[in-house]
Amino acid sequence: MTSPIERTVALFEMHDRSAALAQLGEWRLERALEKLDAVLADTLSPVTGGGHDHQIDRTPGNAEIVAVLQGVDRHEALGRLQTAIARFQHDTGLRVLSAWCHDDSGNRPLGAMFACAEQAMHQRRSEVLAEAA
């Protein structure tokens, strides 16, 4: 029997991708997303003695990046990702929405974690739309 793994699933998504596409063009937007993906991956690179098993992924052409953070340092890792997102937004002028779901018990199936994070992202998008209205 495997022991429970405390986990956080985080989603990062380019806000108003169509406006960013109109502003930058497809090629420059894809380069910006590649840069964001690389920055986030570097942010999760193991530190000396780290030993964590975090993963981050983005499908080329997709404006959503998914991070699966596992272990006791996952909250700290999420904080580092949020700091990296803030720097990226400042440097590029592009807005990135973030949402996540935590499982402190380690008993929640990964699929349920993704669904929870997607629901949190839906809520975040609604909040941003309400702010703009």
Protein backbone atom coordinates (compact mmCIF):
# COMPACT_ATOMS: atom_id res chain seq x y z
CA MET A 1 0.00 0.00 0.00
CA THR A 2 1.32 3.43 -0.92
CA SER A 3 1.32 6.22 1.60
CA PRO A 4 -0.81 9.32 0.96
CA ILE A 5 0.84 12.15 -0.97
CA GLU A 6 -0.08 15.69 0.00
CA ARG A 7 -0.67 17.49 -3.29
CA THR A 8 -1.57 20.81 -4.88
CA VAL A 9 -2.73 21.18 -8.46
CA ALA A 10 -2.23 24.72 -9.78
CA LEU A 11 -3.40 26.19 -13.08
CA PHE A 12 -1.94 29.28 -14.74
CA GLU A 13 -3.71 30.75 -17.73
CA MET A 14 -3.12 33.74 -20.00
CA HIS A 15 -5.97 36.18 -19.40
CA ASP A 16 -7.81 37.31 -22.52
CA ARG A 17 -5.73 35.28 -24.90
CA SER A 18 -7.52 36.78 -27.92
CA ALA A 19 -6.50 40.33 -26.90
CA ALA A 20 -2.92 39.18 -26.29
CA LEU A 21 -2.96 37.46 -29.67
CA ALA A 22 -4.20 40.64 -31.37
CA GLN A 23 -1.55 42.70 -29.57
CA LEU A 24 1.43 40.39 -30.06
CA GLY A 25 0.59 38.07 -32.91
CA GLU A 26 0.66 34.30 -32.74
CA TRP A 27 4.44 33.86 -32.90
CA ARG A 28 5.27 36.43 -30.18
CA LEU A 29 2.48 35.17 -27.92
CA GLU A 30 3.76 31.60 -28.22
CA ARG A 31 7.31 32.81 -27.38
CA ALA A 32 5.94 34.63 -24.32
CA LEU A 33 4.11 31.47 -23.20
CA GLU A 34 7.28 29.41 -23.74
CA LYS A 35 9.18 31.93 -21.63
CA LEU A 36 6.55 31.72 -18.88
CA ASP A 37 6.68 27.92 -18.98
CA ALA A 38 10.50 27.99 -18.70
CA VAL A 39 10.43 30.52 -15.86
CA LEU A 40 7.96 28.41 -13.90
CA ALA A 41 9.92 25.21 -14.55
CA ASP A 42 13.13 26.92 -13.38
CA THR A 43 11.29 28.14 -10.29
CA LEU A 44 10.48 24.53 -9.41
CA SER A 45 14.01 23.26 -10.04
CA PRO A 46 15.20 21.35 -7.00
CA VAL A 47 17.19 23.33 -4.50
CA THR A 48 20.07 21.68 -2.68
CA GLY A 49 18.62 18.97 -0.48
CA GLY A 50 15.15 19.58 -1.95
CA GLY A 51 14.08 16.11 -2.96
CA HIS A 52 10.55 17.18 -3.94
CA ASP A 53 8.67 15.82 -6.92
CA HIS A 54 6.97 18.80 -8.54
CA GLN A 55 5.88 18.76 -12.19
CA ILE A 56 4.88 21.50 -14.59
CA ASP A 57 3.55 21.15 -18.11
CA ARG A 58 2.13 23.18 -20.99
CA THR A 59 1.05 21.89 -24.36
CA PRO A 60 2.46 24.09 -27.16
CA GLY A 61 -0.27 26.36 -28.53
CA ASN A 62 -2.18 26.17 -25.26
CA ALA A 63 -2.43 29.18 -22.93
CA GLU A 64 -2.77 27.02 -19.79
CA ILE A 65 0.10 25.72 -17.66
CA VAL A 66 -0.51 22.97 -15.12
CA ALA A 67 1.64 22.38 -12.04
CA VAL A 68 1.37 19.36 -9.77
CA LEU A 69 3.13 20.09 -6.49
CA GLN A 70 3.71 17.21 -4.11
CA GLY A 71 5.10 16.97 -0.62
CA VAL A 72 5.51 19.12 2.43
CA ASP A 73 7.06 22.07 0.56
CA ARG A 74 4.20 22.41 -1.95
CA HIS A 75 2.78 25.59 -0.37
CA GLU A 76 6.21 27.23 -0.49
CA ALA A 77 6.64 26.07 -4.10
CA LEU A 78 3.26 27.61 -5.00
CA GLY A 79 4.42 30.88 -3.42
CA ARG A 80 7.57 30.82 -5.58
CA LEU A 81 5.43 30.22 -8.67
CA GLN A 82 3.16 33.15 -7.78
CA THR A 83 6.22 35.40 -7.37
CA ALA A 84 7.52 34.28 -10.77
CA ILE A 85 4.11 34.99 -12.32
CA ALA A 86 4.11 38.50 -10.83
CA ARG A 87 7.56 39.19 -12.29
CA PHE A 88 6.48 37.84 -15.69
CA GLN A 89 3.37 40.05 -15.67
CA HIS A 90 5.45 43.10 -14.74
CA ASP A 91 8.06 42.39 -17.44
CA THR A 92 5.62 41.59 -20.26
CA GLY A 93 2.43 43.49 -19.42
CA LEU A 94 0.50 40.24 -19.94
CA ARG A 95 -1.95 39.08 -17.27
CA VAL A 96 -1.91 35.52 -15.99
CA LEU A 97 -4.75 34.07 -13.94
CA SER A 98 -3.95 31.52 -11.24
CA ALA A 99 -6.08 28.97 -9.42
CA TRP A 100 -5.31 25.88 -7.40
CA CYS A 101 -6.64 23.11 -5.24
CA HIS A 102 -4.92 21.67 -2.15
CA ASP A 103 -5.21 18.17 -0.74
CA ASP A 104 -3.67 18.14 2.72
CA SER A 105 -4.91 14.61 3.44
CA GLY A 106 -3.18 13.04 0.46
CA ASN A 107 -6.21 10.85 -0.17
CA ARG A 108 -7.92 12.73 -3.02
CA PRO A 109 -7.55 11.20 -6.50
CA LEU A 110 -5.51 13.29 -8.95
CA GLY A 111 -8.47 13.55 -11.35
CA ALA A 112 -10.58 15.09 -8.60
CA MET A 113 -7.75 17.53 -7.88
CA PHE A 114 -7.72 18.66 -11.52
CA ALA A 115 -11.50 19.09 -11.48
CA CYS A 116 -11.25 21.14 -8.27
CA ALA A 117 -8.52 23.35 -9.78
CA GLU A 118 -10.57 23.82 -12.98
CA GLN A 119 -13.56 24.90 -10.87
CA ALA A 120 -11.34 27.36 -9.00
CA MET A 121 -10.10 28.73 -12.37
CA HIS A 122 -13.69 29.11 -13.57
CA GLN A 123 -14.43 31.08 -10.40
CA ARG A 124 -11.32 33.23 -10.94
CA ARG A 125 -12.35 34.02 -14.54
CA SER A 126 -15.80 35.04 -13.28
CA GLU A 127 -14.25 37.35 -10.69
CA VAL A 128 -12.04 39.01 -13.34
CA LEU A 129 -15.05 39.52 -15.63
CA ALA A 130 -17.02 41.04 -12.75
CA GLU A 131 -14.11 43.40 -11.97
CA ALA A 132 -14.06 44.56 -15.59
CA ALA A 133 -17.81 45.25 -15.70
